[in-house]
N, C-alpha and C. Protein backbone atom coordinates (compact mmCIF):
# COMPACT_ATOMS: atom_id res chain seq x y z
N MET A 1 58.62 10.62 108.13
CA MET A 1 58.10 9.66 107.07
C MET A 1 56.89 8.92 107.82
N PRO A 2 55.83 8.95 106.90
CA PRO A 2 54.66 8.17 107.70
C PRO A 2 55.31 6.81 107.66
N ASN A 3 54.32 5.83 108.45
CA ASN A 3 54.21 4.84 108.45
C ASN A 3 53.61 3.72 107.69
N SER A 4 52.95 4.50 106.80
CA SER A 4 51.99 3.66 105.90
C SER A 4 51.80 4.36 104.66
N GLY A 5 50.90 4.04 103.77
CA GLY A 5 51.00 4.48 102.50
C GLY A 5 51.61 3.91 101.12
N PRO A 6 51.19 4.15 99.83
CA PRO A 6 51.83 3.36 98.95
C PRO A 6 53.55 3.48 98.96
N LEU A 7 53.75 5.00 99.05
CA LEU A 7 55.69 4.91 98.90
C LEU A 7 56.14 4.49 100.30
N HIS A 8 55.59 4.79 101.63
CA HIS A 8 56.22 3.91 102.73
C HIS A 8 56.61 2.48 102.18
N GLU A 9 55.71 1.65 101.60
CA GLU A 9 55.22 0.31 101.13
C GLU A 9 56.24 0.24 100.16
N ALA A 10 56.26 0.74 99.52
CA ALA A 10 57.32 0.49 97.98
C ALA A 10 58.73 0.57 98.70
N ILE A 11 58.97 1.57 99.78
CA ILE A 11 60.31 1.55 100.17
C ILE A 11 60.52 0.43 101.19
N LEU A 12 59.73 -0.08 101.75
CA LEU A 12 60.03 -1.03 102.73
C LEU A 12 60.36 -2.46 101.60
N GLU A 13 59.52 -2.52 100.62
CA GLU A 13 59.78 -3.52 99.83
C GLU A 13 61.08 -3.39 99.11
N GLY A 14 61.28 -2.56 98.59
CA GLY A 14 62.95 -2.29 97.62
C GLY A 14 63.91 -1.95 98.76
N TRP A 15 63.81 -1.70 99.85
CA TRP A 15 65.25 -1.79 100.92
C TRP A 15 64.94 -2.50 101.96
N GLY A 16 64.02 -2.76 102.58
CA GLY A 16 63.41 -3.46 103.47
C GLY A 16 63.04 -2.99 105.27
N SER A 17 63.77 -1.61 105.11
CA SER A 17 63.31 -0.91 105.88
C SER A 17 63.63 0.68 105.65
N PHE A 18 63.05 1.70 106.18
CA PHE A 18 63.10 3.03 105.94
C PHE A 18 64.70 3.50 106.25
N GLU A 19 65.13 3.17 107.30
CA GLU A 19 66.69 3.00 107.51
C GLU A 19 67.55 2.71 106.39
N GLU A 20 67.62 1.69 106.35
CA GLU A 20 68.12 0.92 105.16
C GLU A 20 68.39 1.94 104.12
N PHE A 21 66.81 2.67 103.44
CA PHE A 21 67.11 2.90 101.94
C PHE A 21 67.55 4.77 102.33
N ASN A 22 67.33 5.32 103.57
CA ASN A 22 67.97 6.72 104.08
C ASN A 22 69.34 6.17 104.00
N ARG A 23 70.18 5.42 104.36
CA ARG A 23 71.58 5.10 104.53
C ARG A 23 72.33 5.08 103.29
N ILE A 24 71.38 4.04 102.34
CA ILE A 24 72.12 3.86 100.92
C ILE A 24 71.66 5.55 100.17
N PHE A 25 70.67 5.99 100.37
CA PHE A 25 70.28 7.40 99.71
C PHE A 25 71.22 8.20 99.79
N ASN A 26 71.45 8.27 101.17
CA ASN A 26 72.77 9.29 101.81
C ASN A 26 73.89 9.23 101.25
N THR A 27 74.46 7.59 101.21
CA THR A 27 75.85 7.29 100.94
C THR A 27 76.17 7.26 99.60
N ARG A 28 75.23 6.96 98.41
CA ARG A 28 75.36 7.11 97.38
C ARG A 28 75.29 8.37 96.92
N THR A 29 74.37 9.11 97.21
CA THR A 29 74.34 11.01 96.83
C THR A 29 75.43 11.37 97.28
N ALA A 30 75.77 10.91 98.54
CA ALA A 30 77.07 11.91 98.88
C ALA A 30 78.33 11.84 98.20
N ALA A 31 78.28 10.31 97.44
CA ALA A 31 79.39 10.10 96.78
C ALA A 31 79.93 11.08 95.25
N ILE A 32 78.65 11.66 95.07
CA ILE A 32 78.61 12.47 93.85
C ILE A 32 79.50 13.61 93.88
N LEU A 33 80.94 13.35 92.84
CA LEU A 33 81.79 14.72 93.19
C LEU A 33 81.60 15.94 91.95
N GLY A 34 81.79 16.90 92.70
CA GLY A 34 81.35 17.90 91.93
C GLY A 34 80.20 18.55 92.53
N SER A 35 79.13 18.38 91.17
CA SER A 35 77.81 18.58 91.45
C SER A 35 76.71 17.53 90.71
N GLY A 36 76.09 17.42 90.96
CA GLY A 36 75.21 16.20 90.63
C GLY A 36 73.83 16.22 91.49
N TRP A 37 72.94 15.30 91.06
CA TRP A 37 71.19 15.05 92.27
C TRP A 37 71.43 13.56 92.53
N GLY A 38 70.86 13.21 93.28
CA GLY A 38 70.59 11.97 93.71
C GLY A 38 68.94 12.16 93.67
N TRP A 39 68.77 10.81 93.13
CA TRP A 39 66.99 11.09 92.67
C TRP A 39 66.41 9.67 93.39
N LEU A 40 65.32 9.76 94.14
CA LEU A 40 64.46 8.36 93.88
C LEU A 40 63.42 8.67 93.01
N VAL A 41 63.37 7.43 92.11
CA VAL A 41 62.59 7.63 90.70
C VAL A 41 61.59 6.51 91.10
N TYR A 42 60.20 6.56 90.25
CA TYR A 42 60.01 5.43 89.94
C TYR A 42 60.23 4.80 88.83
N ASN A 43 60.43 3.55 88.55
CA ASN A 43 60.88 3.27 87.44
C ASN A 43 59.53 2.31 86.55
N LYS A 44 59.27 3.40 85.44
CA LYS A 44 57.68 2.70 85.12
C LYS A 44 57.78 1.65 84.53
N ARG A 45 59.20 1.11 83.95
CA ARG A 45 59.02 -0.05 83.07
C ARG A 45 59.24 -0.95 84.33
N ARG A 46 59.89 -0.97 85.10
CA ARG A 46 60.10 -2.21 85.88
C ARG A 46 58.90 -2.23 87.08
N GLU A 47 58.48 -1.15 87.15
CA GLU A 47 57.32 -0.64 88.30
C GLU A 47 57.66 -1.21 89.45
N GLU A 48 58.86 -0.15 90.00
CA GLU A 48 59.29 -0.38 91.21
C GLU A 48 60.42 1.07 91.23
N LEU A 49 60.27 1.30 92.90
CA LEU A 49 61.28 2.46 93.07
C LEU A 49 62.87 1.94 92.52
N ASP A 50 63.70 3.03 92.42
CA ASP A 50 65.18 3.12 92.29
C ASP A 50 65.66 4.10 92.33
N PHE A 51 67.12 4.03 92.72
CA PHE A 51 67.74 5.02 92.99
C PHE A 51 68.73 5.60 91.81
N VAL A 52 68.91 6.73 91.18
CA VAL A 52 69.42 6.96 90.33
C VAL A 52 70.39 8.85 90.36
N THR A 53 71.64 8.51 90.17
CA THR A 53 72.30 9.70 90.28
C THR A 53 72.63 10.57 88.96
N THR A 54 72.60 11.49 88.16
CA THR A 54 72.81 12.56 87.42
C THR A 54 74.08 13.63 87.73
N ALA A 55 74.72 13.87 86.83
CA ALA A 55 75.99 14.99 87.02
C ALA A 55 75.49 15.81 86.85
N ASN A 56 76.15 16.84 87.07
CA ASN A 56 76.09 18.15 86.50
C ASN A 56 74.57 18.71 86.29
N HIS A 57 73.74 18.46 87.13
CA HIS A 57 72.47 18.84 87.27
C HIS A 57 71.79 18.44 85.58
N ASP A 58 72.03 17.28 85.12
CA ASP A 58 70.96 17.11 84.40
C ASP A 58 69.86 16.38 84.70
N MET A 59 68.67 16.51 83.90
CA MET A 59 67.40 16.32 84.39
C MET A 59 67.27 14.54 84.10
N ILE A 60 66.41 14.59 84.65
CA ILE A 60 66.40 12.61 84.88
C ILE A 60 65.35 12.63 83.94
N SER A 61 64.43 13.24 82.88
CA SER A 61 63.88 13.32 81.65
C SER A 61 64.66 12.95 80.72
N GLU A 62 66.33 13.38 80.94
CA GLU A 62 67.08 13.07 80.05
C GLU A 62 67.75 11.90 79.55
N ILE A 63 67.80 11.35 80.72
CA ILE A 63 67.91 10.01 80.82
C ILE A 63 67.34 8.70 80.58
N SER A 64 65.91 8.59 81.11
CA SER A 64 64.66 8.00 80.41
C SER A 64 63.68 8.75 80.77
N PRO A 65 62.59 8.47 79.75
CA PRO A 65 61.21 8.87 79.79
C PRO A 65 60.05 7.85 80.96
N ASN A 66 61.00 6.78 81.34
CA ASN A 66 60.20 5.68 82.46
C ASN A 66 61.04 5.95 83.99
N LEU A 67 61.65 7.11 83.89
CA LEU A 67 61.86 7.38 85.47
C LEU A 67 60.78 8.59 85.46
N VAL A 68 60.20 8.49 86.87
CA VAL A 68 59.45 9.39 87.46
C VAL A 68 60.28 9.76 88.73
N PRO A 69 60.71 11.00 88.75
CA PRO A 69 61.49 11.75 89.87
C PRO A 69 60.50 11.92 91.10
N ILE A 70 60.70 11.62 92.30
CA ILE A 70 59.63 11.40 93.59
C ILE A 70 60.38 12.21 94.45
N ILE A 71 61.98 11.69 94.91
CA ILE A 71 62.44 12.71 95.84
C ILE A 71 64.21 13.02 95.01
N ASN A 72 64.21 14.62 95.62
CA ASN A 72 65.98 14.80 94.53
C ASN A 72 66.32 15.33 95.96
N MET A 73 67.55 14.95 95.69
CA MET A 73 68.75 15.82 96.45
C MET A 73 69.83 16.12 95.42
N ASP A 74 69.54 17.87 96.06
CA ASP A 74 71.07 18.71 95.27
C ASP A 74 72.71 18.31 96.05
N ILE A 75 73.50 18.38 94.84
CA ILE A 75 74.22 18.05 95.49
C ILE A 75 75.62 18.83 94.99
N TRP A 76 76.03 20.26 95.52
CA TRP A 76 77.29 21.20 94.95
C TRP A 76 78.30 21.06 96.04
N GLU A 77 79.67 21.14 94.90
CA GLU A 77 80.76 21.27 95.63
C GLU A 77 80.70 22.53 96.66
N HIS A 78 80.15 23.68 96.76
CA HIS A 78 80.79 24.49 97.57
C HIS A 78 79.79 24.57 98.39
N ALA A 79 78.71 23.70 98.52
CA ALA A 79 77.66 23.98 99.44
C ALA A 79 78.55 23.06 100.95
N TYR A 80 79.96 22.35 100.97
CA TYR A 80 81.06 21.49 101.69
C TYR A 80 81.79 22.54 101.77
N TYR A 81 82.13 23.57 100.93
CA TYR A 81 83.25 24.22 101.49
C TYR A 81 83.88 24.58 102.92
N MET A 82 82.65 25.11 103.45
CA MET A 82 83.20 25.85 105.04
C MET A 82 83.22 24.49 105.81
N ASP A 83 83.02 23.52 105.84
CA ASP A 83 83.40 22.31 106.44
C ASP A 83 84.22 21.83 105.82
N TYR A 84 84.32 21.85 104.63
CA TYR A 84 85.69 20.85 104.25
C TYR A 84 86.94 21.11 103.34
N LYS A 85 86.50 22.67 103.07
CA LYS A 85 87.82 23.32 102.28
C LYS A 85 87.76 22.68 100.93
N ASN A 86 88.90 22.88 100.41
CA ASN A 86 89.37 22.21 99.12
C ASN A 86 89.52 20.63 99.46
């Protein structure tokens, strides 16, 4: 992650540090059961970054037209099977 620019500044404003953003993004996304997506979005209504999850690969545009996707993490239950089994 670059140490400057609008995205970096918005992450620092919203989460205090990139490390804290990374921790929260990974923790909340890993908590999705089954399949879904973790999203870093720009909330046009609030004019700030936010974190959103969607289940079963629902599109972010189906939740709100005010959310603009920036980063997406795909979670599938079978992606962990070899490490964690059932």
